Amino acid sequence: MLENNWKLGDRPDLGAMNSANALIRELDVGNPHALPNLRRGSTIAIGSDYSGQHSTSKYEAFGFVFADLHRCGAWIDARRSLGSGVGDVVD
């Protein structure tokens, strides 16, 4: 049986972030393969992107990426193959 990766329970003390916590926990319970297990990683990269903060936008979007740098070599190689001008590349 698969074990869920998201271990943080309900934390009202986190304020608005508890809503994000609940969504991530729901995703993980519904699909144990949806989230990576980052517990063995010694270097965790966290990235984010935001959209829709301008006055004409009807919606806002927030995107987050959590990755174990030692286990995402293929992704780093693919980014490098795109060339310069596509964000910062971590070496």
C-alpha atoms as a PDB file:
ATOM      1  CA  MET A   1       0.000   0.000   0.000  1.00  0.00           C
ATOM      2  CA  LEU A   2       1.291   3.448  -0.880  1.00  0.00           C
ATOM      3  CA  GLU A   3       1.905   5.954   1.853  1.00  0.00           C
ATOM      4  CA  ASN A   4       0.881   9.560   1.432  1.00  0.00           C
ATOM      5  CA  ASN A   5       3.695  12.096   1.093  1.00  0.00           C
ATOM      6  CA  TRP A   6       1.927  15.106   2.628  1.00  0.00           C
ATOM      7  CA  LYS A   7       2.087  14.732   6.413  1.00  0.00           C
ATOM      8  CA  LEU A   8       0.960  18.140   7.678  1.00  0.00           C
ATOM      9  CA  GLY A   9      -2.451  17.896   9.317  1.00  0.00           C
ATOM     10  CA  ASP A  10      -4.956  20.695   9.853  1.00  0.00           C
ATOM     11  CA  ARG A  11      -3.071  23.790  11.090  1.00  0.00           C
ATOM     12  CA  PRO A  12      -5.416  26.772  11.668  1.00  0.00           C
ATOM     13  CA  ASP A  13      -2.452  28.661  13.134  1.00  0.00           C
ATOM     14  CA  LEU A  14      -1.050  28.937   9.579  1.00  0.00           C
ATOM     15  CA  GLY A  15      -3.867  31.252   8.551  1.00  0.00           C
ATOM     16  CA  ALA A  16      -4.414  31.424   4.793  1.00  0.00           C
ATOM     17  CA  MET A  17      -1.621  28.912   4.177  1.00  0.00           C
ATOM     18  CA  ASN A  18      -3.756  26.305   5.957  1.00  0.00           C
ATOM     19  CA  SER A  19      -6.124  26.482   2.961  1.00  0.00           C
ATOM     20  CA  ALA A  20      -3.218  25.616   0.637  1.00  0.00           C
ATOM     21  CA  ASN A  21      -2.220  22.881   3.077  1.00  0.00           C
ATOM     22  CA  ALA A  22      -5.738  21.391   2.915  1.00  0.00           C
ATOM     23  CA  LEU A  23      -5.746  21.439  -0.913  1.00  0.00           C
ATOM     24  CA  ILE A  24      -2.351  19.727  -1.107  1.00  0.00           C
ATOM     25  CA  ARG A  25      -3.399  17.144   1.486  1.00  0.00           C
ATOM     26  CA  GLU A  26      -6.614  16.438  -0.481  1.00  0.00           C
ATOM     27  CA  LEU A  27      -4.604  15.991  -3.691  1.00  0.00           C
ATOM     28  CA  ASP A  28      -2.214  13.586  -1.989  1.00  0.00           C
ATOM     29  CA  VAL A  29      -4.975  11.502  -0.386  1.00  0.00           C
ATOM     30  CA  GLY A  30      -6.826  11.280  -3.723  1.00  0.00           C
ATOM     31  CA  ASN A  31      -3.698  10.275  -5.682  1.00  0.00           C
ATOM     32  CA  PRO A  32      -0.614   9.124  -3.732  1.00  0.00           C
ATOM     33  CA  HIS A  33       1.501   9.494  -6.931  1.00  0.00           C
ATOM     34  CA  ALA A  34       0.604  13.194  -7.305  1.00  0.00           C
ATOM     35  CA  LEU A  35       3.307  14.476  -4.945  1.00  0.00           C
ATOM     36  CA  PRO A  36       6.981  13.500  -4.870  1.00  0.00           C
ATOM     37  CA  ASN A  37       8.584  12.137  -1.719  1.00  0.00           C
ATOM     38  CA  LEU A  38      11.170  14.793  -0.832  1.00  0.00           C
ATOM     39  CA  ARG A  39      12.226  13.363   2.540  1.00  0.00           C
ATOM     40  CA  ARG A  40      15.478  11.848   1.241  1.00  0.00           C
ATOM     41  CA  GLY A  41      16.569  14.981  -0.608  1.00  0.00           C
ATOM     42  CA  SER A  42      19.462  16.979   0.769  1.00  0.00           C
ATOM     43  CA  THR A  43      18.834  19.986  -1.517  1.00  0.00           C
ATOM     44  CA  ILE A  44      15.230  20.991  -2.162  1.00  0.00           C
ATOM     45  CA  ALA A  45      14.519  23.645  -4.776  1.00  0.00           C
ATOM     46  CA  ILE A  46      11.299  25.623  -4.441  1.00  0.00           C
ATOM     47  CA  GLY A  47      10.013  27.762  -7.280  1.00  0.00           C
ATOM     48  CA  SER A  48       6.884  29.802  -7.726  1.00  0.00           C
ATOM     49  CA  ASP A  49       5.065  31.815 -10.349  1.00  0.00           C
ATOM     50  CA  TYR A  50       2.132  34.196 -10.024  1.00  0.00           C
ATOM     51  CA  SER A  51      -0.273  35.608 -12.555  1.00  0.00           C
ATOM     52  CA  GLY A  52      -3.333  37.822 -12.659  1.00  0.00           C
ATOM     53  CA  GLN A  53      -2.414  40.577 -10.233  1.00  0.00           C
ATOM     54  CA  HIS A  54      -3.250  43.330 -12.724  1.00  0.00           C
ATOM     55  CA  SER A  55      -6.513  45.286 -12.557  1.00  0.00           C
ATOM     56  CA  THR A  56      -8.077  43.772 -15.710  1.00  0.00           C
ATOM     57  CA  SER A  57      -7.580  40.157 -14.682  1.00  0.00           C
ATOM     58  CA  LYS A  58     -10.630  38.161 -13.643  1.00  0.00           C
ATOM     59  CA  TYR A  59      -8.518  35.468 -11.976  1.00  0.00           C
ATOM     60  CA  GLU A  60      -5.293  34.979 -10.092  1.00  0.00           C
ATOM     61  CA  ALA A  61      -3.101  31.916 -10.431  1.00  0.00           C
ATOM     62  CA  PHE A  62      -0.342  30.659  -8.178  1.00  0.00           C
ATOM     63  CA  GLY A  63       2.064  27.908  -9.182  1.00  0.00           C
ATOM     64  CA  PHE A  64       4.591  26.144  -6.962  1.00  0.00           C
ATOM     65  CA  VAL A  65       7.284  23.572  -7.703  1.00  0.00           C
ATOM     66  CA  PHE A  66       9.135  21.530  -5.081  1.00  0.00           C
ATOM     67  CA  ALA A  67      11.996  19.386  -6.351  1.00  0.00           C
ATOM     68  CA  ASP A  68      14.854  17.296  -5.035  1.00  0.00           C
ATOM     69  CA  LEU A  69      17.763  18.642  -7.095  1.00  0.00           C
ATOM     70  CA  HIS A  70      19.637  15.353  -6.921  1.00  0.00           C
ATOM     71  CA  ARG A  71      16.725  13.495  -8.541  1.00  0.00           C
ATOM     72  CA  CYS A  72      15.778  15.872 -11.372  1.00  0.00           C
ATOM     73  CA  GLY A  73      18.819  15.741 -13.638  1.00  0.00           C
ATOM     74  CA  ALA A  74      16.738  15.095 -16.763  1.00  0.00           C
ATOM     75  CA  TRP A  75      14.704  18.230 -16.102  1.00  0.00           C
ATOM     76  CA  ILE A  76      17.852  20.343 -15.585  1.00  0.00           C
ATOM     77  CA  ASP A  77      19.366  18.959 -18.816  1.00  0.00           C
ATOM     78  CA  ALA A  78      16.167  19.778 -20.727  1.00  0.00           C
ATOM     79  CA  ARG A  79      16.224  23.358 -19.413  1.00  0.00           C
ATOM     80  CA  ARG A  80      19.831  23.767 -20.479  1.00  0.00           C
ATOM     81  CA  SER A  81      18.976  22.579 -23.978  1.00  0.00           C
ATOM     82  CA  LEU A  82      16.554  25.512 -24.357  1.00  0.00           C
ATOM     83  CA  GLY A  83      19.421  27.993 -24.294  1.00  0.00           C
ATOM     84  CA  SER A  84      19.724  31.317 -22.530  1.00  0.00           C
ATOM     85  CA  GLY A  85      16.857  33.668 -21.812  1.00  0.00           C
ATOM     86  CA  VAL A  86      14.604  31.057 -20.213  1.00  0.00           C
ATOM     87  CA  GLY A  87      15.133  31.867 -16.549  1.00  0.00           C
ATOM     88  CA  ASP A  88      18.044  31.077 -14.321  1.00  0.00           C
ATOM     89  CA  VAL A  89      19.587  27.629 -14.497  1.00  0.00           C
ATOM     90  CA  VAL A  90      20.783  26.161 -11.202  1.00  0.00           C
ATOM     91  CA  ASP A  91      24.115  24.324 -11.409  1.00  0.00           C
END
